[in-house]
Amino acid sequence: MKLDIILRTCQKSQFDKNLKINSPEFERICGSDREQMIYRCVMSLINTINRANFNIQFTVLDDHSDKSFIDNLKILLKRCEKPTELVHLEKLGANNSAYEQFYRASQCEDLVYSVEDDYLHEPDAINYMVHAYIHFKEKYGGDVAIFPFDCPFRYVNGREEQTILYYDGIRYWRQVSYTTNTFLTTSAQLRKDFDVYSKLALEYPKVLEDDTINKLYLNLEKNTGHVRVFSPIPSCAYHLSYQEPTVIASPQLSWVHLWKSNDYLHLLEEMELT
């Protein structure tokens, strides 16, 4: 089995800039320093990759970040014990980078993990996700996907949905009918529904996940979709998004201990000295 992990990074995100202009009271739950957020998220991803005992290729697609950021990213990638590749994208913008991410994922051999640069991973996140994928694939067959974040937003504001709880021998999972652009599945599934993924990538934010990829996912209440999606309880990766504290807050969210990890802080200090 091979797992391709495809991460896209963008130090100068226009989304971040636009949000601050239009909604200055909002900032990411981890603070407003985007570079620090990406460094910690990449470090957490490398850490969980290094703990996995199977074949992994780690590819980073960077969207026109500054040279200083790229230099630090290269320092981090040297710590990865699996093969890595840093790709400098030719076309500018989140739509193009999302399309490139989905396209490359669709061309891989087996399992793929498409991941954004604002997800902070638990040390064994990759092991948990792959184990769960294999468990549910053997149980159900067909198309299966893993969404690593147990999003609190889906428990409030009328967004609750019918679900089933499962135990895979390690941890609990619930069946969901949504993801972001961050998910683990097979390249074959992406190829099968590539028109839907490409529509989300190229037309976002005019179209959203609920208009596109979420329609692919099996919905127990509506009896629609064909991809079974499972999310862990609690999360094994945390989306450090822009959300109101009352929406994002949850006793299951324990990302702060990862953010304040001494290993991360020590590495960040080393990077500042280079």
C-alpha atoms as a PDB file:
ATOM      1  CA  MET A   1       0.000   0.000   0.000  1.00  0.00           C
ATOM      2  CA  LYS A   2       1.165   3.500  -0.842  1.00  0.00           C
ATOM      3  CA  LEU A   3      -0.128   6.785   0.533  1.00  0.00           C
ATOM      4  CA  ASP A   4       0.453  10.038  -1.331  1.00  0.00           C
ATOM      5  CA  ILE A   5       0.104  13.102   0.897  1.00  0.00           C
ATOM      6  CA  ILE A   6      -0.416  16.306  -1.071  1.00  0.00           C
ATOM      7  CA  LEU A   7      -0.269  19.546   0.907  1.00  0.00           C
ATOM      8  CA  ARG A   8      -0.840  22.993  -0.551  1.00  0.00           C
ATOM      9  CA  THR A   9       0.689  26.019   1.131  1.00  0.00           C
ATOM     10  CA  CYS A  10       0.113  29.709   0.606  1.00  0.00           C
ATOM     11  CA  GLN A  11       1.917  32.139   2.877  1.00  0.00           C
ATOM     12  CA  LYS A  12       0.247  35.176   1.252  1.00  0.00           C
ATOM     13  CA  SER A  13      -3.346  33.963   1.287  1.00  0.00           C
ATOM     14  CA  GLN A  14      -5.714  36.506  -0.233  1.00  0.00           C
ATOM     15  CA  PHE A  15      -8.529  34.883   1.731  1.00  0.00           C
ATOM     16  CA  ASP A  16      -6.838  35.860   4.989  1.00  0.00           C
ATOM     17  CA  LYS A  17      -6.294  39.419   3.778  1.00  0.00           C
ATOM     18  CA  ASN A  18      -9.874  39.832   2.536  1.00  0.00           C
ATOM     19  CA  LEU A  19     -11.330  38.494   5.750  1.00  0.00           C
ATOM     20  CA  LYS A  20      -9.336  40.929   7.858  1.00  0.00           C
ATOM     21  CA  ILE A  21     -10.471  43.823   5.693  1.00  0.00           C
ATOM     22  CA  ASN A  22     -14.145  42.831   5.671  1.00  0.00           C
ATOM     23  CA  SER A  23     -14.335  41.351   9.180  1.00  0.00           C
ATOM     24  CA  PRO A  24     -11.506  42.835  11.279  1.00  0.00           C
ATOM     25  CA  GLU A  25     -12.913  41.288  14.460  1.00  0.00           C
ATOM     26  CA  PHE A  26     -12.247  37.784  13.134  1.00  0.00           C
ATOM     27  CA  GLU A  27      -8.946  35.966  13.286  1.00  0.00           C
ATOM     28  CA  ARG A  28      -7.900  32.354  13.280  1.00  0.00           C
ATOM     29  CA  ILE A  29      -8.443  30.592  16.578  1.00  0.00           C
ATOM     30  CA  CYS A  30      -4.654  30.195  16.892  1.00  0.00           C
ATOM     31  CA  GLY A  31      -3.978  33.892  16.290  1.00  0.00           C
ATOM     32  CA  SER A  32      -3.258  36.118  13.330  1.00  0.00           C
ATOM     33  CA  ASP A  33       0.287  35.064  12.316  1.00  0.00           C
ATOM     34  CA  ARG A  34      -0.305  32.919   9.240  1.00  0.00           C
ATOM     35  CA  GLU A  35       3.339  31.916   8.790  1.00  0.00           C
ATOM     36  CA  GLN A  36       3.599  30.584  12.343  1.00  0.00           C
ATOM     37  CA  MET A  37       0.400  28.644  11.822  1.00  0.00           C
ATOM     38  CA  ILE A  38       1.654  27.015   8.629  1.00  0.00           C
ATOM     39  CA  TYR A  39       5.026  26.121  10.161  1.00  0.00           C
ATOM     40  CA  ARG A  40       3.379  24.380  13.109  1.00  0.00           C
ATOM     41  CA  CYS A  41       0.873  22.590  10.896  1.00  0.00           C
ATOM     42  CA  VAL A  42       3.609  21.383   8.539  1.00  0.00           C
ATOM     43  CA  MET A  43       5.716  20.250  11.491  1.00  0.00           C
ATOM     44  CA  SER A  44       2.786  18.306  12.914  1.00  0.00           C
ATOM     45  CA  LEU A  45       2.177  16.670   9.536  1.00  0.00           C
ATOM     46  CA  ILE A  46       5.831  15.670   9.189  1.00  0.00           C
ATOM     47  CA  ASN A  47       5.769  14.280  12.712  1.00  0.00           C
ATOM     48  CA  THR A  48       2.811  12.014  11.993  1.00  0.00           C
ATOM     49  CA  ILE A  49       4.313  10.974   8.636  1.00  0.00           C
ATOM     50  CA  ASN A  50       7.518   9.910  10.388  1.00  0.00           C
ATOM     51  CA  ARG A  51       5.522   7.714  12.792  1.00  0.00           C
ATOM     52  CA  ALA A  52       3.810   5.810   9.952  1.00  0.00           C
ATOM     53  CA  ASN A  53       5.287   2.435   9.016  1.00  0.00           C
ATOM     54  CA  PHE A  54       4.214   2.223   5.376  1.00  0.00           C
ATOM     55  CA  ASN A  55       5.126   3.708   1.998  1.00  0.00           C
ATOM     56  CA  ILE A  56       4.465   7.475   1.862  1.00  0.00           C
ATOM     57  CA  GLN A  57       5.282  10.178  -0.676  1.00  0.00           C
ATOM     58  CA  PHE A  58       4.919  13.731   0.678  1.00  0.00           C
ATOM     59  CA  THR A  59       4.387  16.486  -1.895  1.00  0.00           C
ATOM     60  CA  VAL A  60       4.042  20.193  -1.108  1.00  0.00           C
ATOM     61  CA  LEU A  61       2.427  22.497  -3.660  1.00  0.00           C
ATOM     62  CA  ASP A  62       3.373  26.078  -2.866  1.00  0.00           C
ATOM     63  CA  ASP A  63       1.449  29.036  -4.225  1.00  0.00           C
ATOM     64  CA  HIS A  64       4.028  31.813  -4.753  1.00  0.00           C
ATOM     65  CA  SER A  65       5.213  32.254  -1.169  1.00  0.00           C
ATOM     66  CA  ASP A  66       8.145  34.526  -0.274  1.00  0.00           C
ATOM     67  CA  LYS A  67      11.693  33.166  -0.506  1.00  0.00           C
ATOM     68  CA  SER A  68      12.189  33.375   3.271  1.00  0.00           C
ATOM     69  CA  PHE A  69       9.100  31.224   3.811  1.00  0.00           C
ATOM     70  CA  ILE A  70      10.267  28.706   1.193  1.00  0.00           C
ATOM     71  CA  ASP A  71      13.704  28.536   2.827  1.00  0.00           C
ATOM     72  CA  ASN A  72      12.095  27.676   6.172  1.00  0.00           C
ATOM     73  CA  LEU A  73       9.795  25.169   4.507  1.00  0.00           C
ATOM     74  CA  LYS A  74      12.850  23.409   3.070  1.00  0.00           C
ATOM     75  CA  ILE A  75      14.342  23.210   6.575  1.00  0.00           C
ATOM     76  CA  LEU A  76      11.177  21.514   7.799  1.00  0.00           C
ATOM     77  CA  LEU A  77      11.054  19.081   4.876  1.00  0.00           C
ATOM     78  CA  LYS A  78      14.570  17.877   5.700  1.00  0.00           C
ATOM     79  CA  ARG A  79      13.109  16.448   8.909  1.00  0.00           C
ATOM     80  CA  CYS A  80      10.711  14.222   6.977  1.00  0.00           C
ATOM     81  CA  GLU A  81      11.901  10.604   6.863  1.00  0.00           C
ATOM     82  CA  LYS A  82       9.818   9.794   3.775  1.00  0.00           C
ATOM     83  CA  PRO A  83      10.437  10.989   0.192  1.00  0.00           C
ATOM     84  CA  THR A  84       9.425  14.630  -0.278  1.00  0.00           C
ATOM     85  CA  GLU A  85       8.910  16.985  -3.206  1.00  0.00           C
ATOM     86  CA  LEU A  86       8.405  20.749  -3.162  1.00  0.00           C
ATOM     87  CA  VAL A  87       6.566  22.050  -6.228  1.00  0.00           C
ATOM     88  CA  HIS A  88       6.435  25.757  -7.087  1.00  0.00           C
ATOM     89  CA  LEU A  89       3.101  26.260  -8.820  1.00  0.00           C
ATOM     90  CA  GLU A  90       3.106  28.252 -12.051  1.00  0.00           C
ATOM     91  CA  LYS A  91      -0.431  29.643 -11.825  1.00  0.00           C
ATOM     92  CA  LEU A  92      -1.329  32.008  -9.003  1.00  0.00           C
ATOM     93  CA  GLY A  93      -4.317  31.703  -6.675  1.00  0.00           C
ATOM     94  CA  ALA A  94      -6.254  29.319  -4.449  1.00  0.00           C
ATOM     95  CA  ASN A  95      -8.498  28.092  -7.274  1.00  0.00           C
ATOM     96  CA  ASN A  96      -5.539  27.007  -9.373  1.00  0.00           C
ATOM     97  CA  SER A  97      -3.702  25.422  -6.434  1.00  0.00           C
ATOM     98  CA  ALA A  98      -6.822  23.489  -5.377  1.00  0.00           C
ATOM     99  CA  TYR A  99      -7.278  22.219  -8.928  1.00  0.00           C
ATOM    100  CA  GLU A 100      -3.627  21.145  -9.119  1.00  0.00           C
ATOM    101  CA  GLN A 101      -3.970  19.383  -5.775  1.00  0.00           C
ATOM    102  CA  PHE A 102      -7.052  17.429  -6.849  1.00  0.00           C
ATOM    103  CA  TYR A 103      -5.581  16.649 -10.259  1.00  0.00           C
ATOM    104  CA  ARG A 104      -2.332  15.301  -8.823  1.00  0.00           C
ATOM    105  CA  ALA A 105      -4.282  13.287  -6.248  1.00  0.00           C
ATOM    106  CA  SER A 106      -6.369  11.742  -9.024  1.00  0.00           C
ATOM    107  CA  GLN A 107      -3.187  10.575 -10.786  1.00  0.00           C
ATOM    108  CA  CYS A 108      -1.721   8.705  -7.806  1.00  0.00           C
ATOM    109  CA  GLU A 109      -1.536   4.945  -7.394  1.00  0.00           C
ATOM    110  CA  ASP A 110      -3.551   4.108  -4.311  1.00  0.00           C
ATOM    111  CA  LEU A 111      -4.484   6.115  -1.204  1.00  0.00           C
ATOM    112  CA  VAL A 112      -4.251   9.911  -1.232  1.00  0.00           C
ATOM    113  CA  TYR A 113      -4.470  12.471   1.553  1.00  0.00           C
ATOM    114  CA  SER A 114      -5.357  15.926   0.257  1.00  0.00           C
ATOM    115  CA  VAL A 115      -4.588  18.410   3.032  1.00  0.00           C
ATOM    116  CA  GLU A 116      -4.665  22.188   3.518  1.00  0.00           C
ATOM    117  CA  ASP A 117      -2.042  24.195   5.390  1.00  0.00           C
ATOM    118  CA  ASP A 118      -4.223  25.053   8.412  1.00  0.00           C
ATOM    119  CA  TYR A 119      -4.659  21.538   9.824  1.00  0.00           C
ATOM    120  CA  LEU A 120      -2.722  20.653  12.981  1.00  0.00           C
ATOM    121  CA  HIS A 121      -2.191  16.890  13.330  1.00  0.00           C
ATOM    122  CA  GLU A 122      -1.989  14.582  16.302  1.00  0.00           C
ATOM    123  CA  PRO A 123       1.216  12.466  16.379  1.00  0.00           C
ATOM    124  CA  ASP A 124      -0.528   9.293  15.131  1.00  0.00           C
ATOM    125  CA  ALA A 125      -3.082  10.963  12.871  1.00  0.00           C
ATOM    126  CA  ILE A 126      -1.891   9.256   9.669  1.00  0.00           C
ATOM    127  CA  ASN A 127      -1.809   5.841  11.314  1.00  0.00           C
ATOM    128  CA  TYR A 128      -5.321   6.382  12.693  1.00  0.00           C
ATOM    129  CA  MET A 129      -6.722   7.502   9.346  1.00  0.00           C
ATOM    130  CA  VAL A 130      -5.189   4.698   7.292  1.00  0.00           C
ATOM    131  CA  HIS A 131      -6.211   2.069   9.843  1.00  0.00           C
ATOM    132  CA  ALA A 132      -9.780   3.395   9.805  1.00  0.00           C
ATOM    133  CA  TYR A 133      -9.845   3.517   6.013  1.00  0.00           C
ATOM    134  CA  ILE A 134      -8.782  -0.135   5.772  1.00  0.00           C
ATOM    135  CA  HIS A 135     -11.308  -1.124   8.458  1.00  0.00           C
ATOM    136  CA  PHE A 136     -14.260   0.579   6.764  1.00  0.00           C
ATOM    137  CA  LYS A 137     -13.199  -0.490   3.279  1.00  0.00           C
ATOM    138  CA  GLU A 138     -13.162  -4.127   4.402  1.00  0.00           C
ATOM    139  CA  LYS A 139     -16.505  -3.667   6.160  1.00  0.00           C
ATOM    140  CA  TYR A 140     -18.395  -1.935   3.340  1.00  0.00           C
ATOM    141  CA  GLY A 141     -16.382  -2.020   0.121  1.00  0.00           C
ATOM    142  CA  GLY A 142     -17.200   0.732  -2.344  1.00  0.00           C
ATOM    143  CA  ASP A 143     -15.897   4.272  -1.961  1.00  0.00           C
ATOM    144  CA  VAL A 144     -14.676   5.332   1.495  1.00  0.00           C
ATOM    145  CA  ALA A 145     -13.173   8.613   2.711  1.00  0.00           C
ATOM    146  CA  ILE A 146     -11.792   9.876   6.021  1.00  0.00           C
ATOM    147  CA  PHE A 147     -12.253  13.443   7.286  1.00  0.00           C
ATOM    148  CA  PRO A 148      -9.882  13.909  10.253  1.00  0.00           C
ATOM    149  CA  PHE A 149     -11.664  16.815  11.972  1.00  0.00           C
ATOM    150  CA  ASP A 150     -14.687  16.335  14.225  1.00  0.00           C
ATOM    151  CA  CYS A 151     -16.053  19.769  13.370  1.00  0.00           C
ATOM    152  CA  PRO A 152     -18.042  21.413  16.213  1.00  0.00           C
ATOM    153  CA  PHE A 153     -19.907  23.528  13.654  1.00  0.00           C
ATOM    154  CA  ARG A 154     -21.811  20.410  12.624  1.00  0.00           C
ATOM    155  CA  TYR A 155     -23.279  19.967  16.100  1.00  0.00           C
ATOM    156  CA  VAL A 156     -24.998  23.368  16.248  1.00  0.00           C
ATOM    157  CA  ASN A 157     -27.152  25.821  14.284  1.00  0.00           C
ATOM    158  CA  GLY A 158     -29.445  23.159  12.891  1.00  0.00           C
ATOM    159  CA  ARG A 159     -26.594  21.360  11.127  1.00  0.00           C
ATOM    160  CA  GLU A 160     -26.943  18.153  13.125  1.00  0.00           C
ATOM    161  CA  GLU A 161     -27.420  15.044  11.001  1.00  0.00           C
ATOM    162  CA  GLN A 162     -28.286  11.411  11.469  1.00  0.00           C
ATOM    163  CA  THR A 163     -25.201   9.300  11.991  1.00  0.00           C
ATOM    164  CA  ILE A 164     -23.890   5.932  13.147  1.00  0.00           C
ATOM    165  CA  LEU A 165     -21.032   5.489  15.621  1.00  0.00           C
ATOM    166  CA  TYR A 166     -18.349   2.874  14.959  1.00  0.00           C
ATOM    167  CA  TYR A 167     -15.341   1.467  16.776  1.00  0.00           C
ATOM    168  CA  ASP A 168     -12.425   0.327  14.603  1.00  0.00           C
ATOM    169  CA  GLY A 169     -10.497  -1.334  17.423  1.00  0.00           C
ATOM    170  CA  ILE A 170      -8.521   1.833  18.246  1.00  0.00           C
ATOM    171  CA  ARG A 171     -10.953   4.756  18.460  1.00  0.00           C
ATOM    172  CA  TYR A 172     -14.521   5.826  17.727  1.00  0.00           C
ATOM    173  CA  TRP A 173     -15.734   7.266  14.427  1.00  0.00           C
ATOM    174  CA  ARG A 174     -18.997   8.726  13.225  1.00  0.00           C
ATOM    175  CA  GLN A 175     -20.365   8.699   9.711  1.00  0.00           C
ATOM    176  CA  VAL A 176     -20.635  12.191   8.204  1.00  0.00           C
ATOM    177  CA  SER A 177     -21.684  13.706   4.887  1.00  0.00           C
ATOM    178  CA  TYR A 178     -19.219  16.569   4.554  1.00  0.00           C
ATOM    179  CA  THR A 179     -15.526  17.395   4.263  1.00  0.00           C
ATOM    180  CA  THR A 180     -13.390  20.376   3.404  1.00  0.00           C
ATOM    181  CA  ASN A 181     -10.603  20.046   0.821  1.00  0.00           C
ATOM    182  CA  THR A 182      -8.832  17.938   3.447  1.00  0.00           C
ATOM    183  CA  PHE A 183      -9.671  14.228   3.235  1.00  0.00           C
ATOM    184  CA  LEU A 184      -8.154  10.776   2.736  1.00  0.00           C
ATOM    185  CA  THR A 185      -9.532   8.510   0.017  1.00  0.00           C
ATOM    186  CA  THR A 186      -8.345   6.706  -3.123  1.00  0.00           C
ATOM    187  CA  SER A 187      -7.092   8.204  -6.350  1.00  0.00           C
ATOM    188  CA  ALA A 188      -9.664   6.038  -8.144  1.00  0.00           C
ATOM    189  CA  GLN A 189     -12.512   7.768  -6.319  1.00  0.00           C
ATOM    190  CA  LEU A 190     -11.123  11.180  -7.286  1.00  0.00           C
ATOM    191  CA  ARG A 191     -10.853  10.117 -10.920  1.00  0.00           C
ATOM    192  CA  LYS A 192     -14.419   8.831 -10.896  1.00  0.00           C
ATOM    193  CA  ASP A 193     -15.860  12.137  -9.655  1.00  0.00           C
ATOM    194  CA  PHE A 194     -13.172  14.517 -10.874  1.00  0.00           C
ATOM    195  CA  ASP A 195     -15.650  16.872 -12.540  1.00  0.00           C
ATOM    196  CA  VAL A 196     -17.170  17.573  -9.112  1.00  0.00           C
ATOM    197  CA  TYR A 197     -13.805  18.203  -7.439  1.00  0.00           C
ATOM    198  CA  SER A 198     -12.610  20.417 -10.275  1.00  0.00           C
ATOM    199  CA  LYS A 199     -15.823  22.469 -10.101  1.00  0.00           C
ATOM    200  CA  LEU A 200     -15.237  23.142  -6.386  1.00  0.00           C
ATOM    201  CA  ALA A 201     -11.601  24.053  -7.037  1.00  0.00           C
ATOM    202  CA  LEU A 202     -12.122  26.380  -9.985  1.00  0.00           C
ATOM    203  CA  GLU A 203     -15.430  28.041  -9.007  1.00  0.00           C
ATOM    204  CA  TYR A 204     -14.944  28.483  -5.239  1.00  0.00           C
ATOM    205  CA  PRO A 205     -16.351  30.534  -3.477  1.00  0.00           C
ATOM    206  CA  LYS A 206     -19.222  30.896  -5.953  1.00  0.00           C
ATOM    207  CA  VAL A 207     -19.810  27.216  -5.282  1.00  0.00           C
ATOM    208  CA  LEU A 208     -19.038  25.603  -1.929  1.00  0.00           C
ATOM    209  CA  GLU A 209     -18.522  22.085  -0.581  1.00  0.00           C
ATOM    210  CA  ASP A 210     -22.260  21.710   0.035  1.00  0.00           C
ATOM    211  CA  ASP A 211     -22.844  22.446  -3.672  1.00  0.00           C
ATOM    212  CA  THR A 212     -20.257  19.960  -4.905  1.00  0.00           C
ATOM    213  CA  ILE A 213     -18.257  17.304  -3.075  1.00  0.00           C
ATOM    214  CA  ASN A 214     -20.631  16.960  -0.112  1.00  0.00           C
ATOM    215  CA  LYS A 215     -23.268  15.726  -2.573  1.00  0.00           C
ATOM    216  CA  LEU A 216     -20.997  12.746  -3.295  1.00  0.00           C
ATOM    217  CA  TYR A 217     -21.071  11.608   0.310  1.00  0.00           C
ATOM    218  CA  LEU A 218     -23.585   9.101   1.631  1.00  0.00           C
ATOM    219  CA  ASN A 219     -26.273  10.964   3.556  1.00  0.00           C
ATOM    220  CA  LEU A 220     -28.234   8.654   5.852  1.00  0.00           C
ATOM    221  CA  GLU A 221     -31.142  11.065   6.236  1.00  0.00           C
ATOM    222  CA  LYS A 222     -31.569  11.904   2.541  1.00  0.00           C
ATOM    223  CA  ASN A 223     -30.390   8.513   1.241  1.00  0.00           C
ATOM    224  CA  THR A 224     -28.138  10.217  -1.302  1.00  0.00           C
ATOM    225  CA  GLY A 225     -24.480   9.927  -2.292  1.00  0.00           C
ATOM    226  CA  HIS A 226     -22.159   6.969  -2.712  1.00  0.00           C
ATOM    227  CA  VAL A 227     -18.970   7.727  -0.718  1.00  0.00           C
ATOM    228  CA  ARG A 228     -19.012   6.669   2.948  1.00  0.00           C
ATOM    229  CA  VAL A 229     -17.189   9.336   4.993  1.00  0.00           C
ATOM    230  CA  PHE A 230     -16.009   8.814   8.565  1.00  0.00           C
ATOM    231  CA  SER A 231     -14.757  11.365  11.086  1.00  0.00           C
ATOM    232  CA  PRO A 232     -12.983  10.512  14.383  1.00  0.00           C
ATOM    233  CA  ILE A 233     -14.260  11.318  17.867  1.00  0.00           C
ATOM    234  CA  PRO A 234     -12.281  13.240  19.004  1.00  0.00           C
ATOM    235  CA  SER A 235     -10.404  14.798  16.078  1.00  0.00           C
ATOM    236  CA  CYS A 236      -7.006  13.526  14.951  1.00  0.00           C
ATOM    237  CA  ALA A 237      -6.383  16.798  13.076  1.00  0.00           C
ATOM    238  CA  TYR A 238      -7.669  20.248  13.982  1.00  0.00           C
ATOM    239  CA  HIS A 239      -8.809  22.896  11.525  1.00  0.00           C
ATOM    240  CA  LEU A 240      -7.379  26.193  12.736  1.00  0.00           C
ATOM    241  CA  SER A 241     -10.017  28.145  10.891  1.00  0.00           C
ATOM    242  CA  TYR A 242     -11.720  31.489  11.258  1.00  0.00           C
ATOM    243  CA  GLN A 243     -14.727  30.842  13.476  1.00  0.00           C
ATOM    244  CA  GLU A 244     -16.570  32.557  16.273  1.00  0.00           C
ATOM    245  CA  PRO A 245     -15.407  31.136  19.620  1.00  0.00           C
ATOM    246  CA  THR A 246     -18.927  29.915  20.439  1.00  0.00           C
ATOM    247  CA  VAL A 247     -18.992  27.937  17.202  1.00  0.00           C
ATOM    248  CA  ILE A 248     -15.513  26.426  17.199  1.00  0.00           C
ATOM    249  CA  ALA A 249     -15.242  25.803  20.960  1.00  0.00           C
ATOM    250  CA  SER A 250     -15.705  22.183  22.029  1.00  0.00           C
ATOM    251  CA  PRO A 251     -14.441  20.076  24.941  1.00  0.00           C
ATOM    252  CA  GLN A 252     -13.274  17.601  22.286  1.00  0.00           C
ATOM    253  CA  LEU A 253     -10.931  20.167  20.717  1.00  0.00           C
ATOM    254  CA  SER A 254      -7.498  19.855  22.287  1.00  0.00           C
ATOM    255  CA  TRP A 255      -5.263  21.479  19.686  1.00  0.00           C
ATOM    256  CA  VAL A 256      -3.573  23.917  22.108  1.00  0.00           C
ATOM    257  CA  HIS A 257      -1.187  21.288  23.506  1.00  0.00           C
ATOM    258  CA  LEU A 258       0.108  20.658  19.982  1.00  0.00           C
ATOM    259  CA  TRP A 259       0.433  24.351  19.228  1.00  0.00           C
ATOM    260  CA  LYS A 260       2.527  24.869  22.358  1.00  0.00           C
ATOM    261  CA  SER A 261       4.678  21.785  21.842  1.00  0.00           C
ATOM    262  CA  ASN A 262       8.253  22.396  23.042  1.00  0.00           C
ATOM    263  CA  ASP A 263       9.592  20.522  20.016  1.00  0.00           C
ATOM    264  CA  TYR A 264       7.828  22.944  17.688  1.00  0.00           C
ATOM    265  CA  LEU A 265       8.922  26.020  19.593  1.00  0.00           C
ATOM    266  CA  HIS A 266      12.542  24.814  19.639  1.00  0.00           C
ATOM    267  CA  LEU A 267      12.496  24.227  15.884  1.00  0.00           C
ATOM    268  CA  LEU A 268      10.958  27.624  15.244  1.00  0.00           C
ATOM    269  CA  GLU A 269      13.780  29.221  17.237  1.00  0.00           C
ATOM    270  CA  GLU A 270      16.332  27.320  15.140  1.00  0.00           C
ATOM    271  CA  MET A 271      14.692  28.593  11.957  1.00  0.00           C
ATOM    272  CA  GLU A 272      14.869  32.183  13.156  1.00  0.00           C
ATOM    273  CA  LEU A 273      18.639  31.805  13.600  1.00  0.00           C
ATOM    274  CA  THR A 274      19.283  30.612  10.046  1.00  0.00           C
END
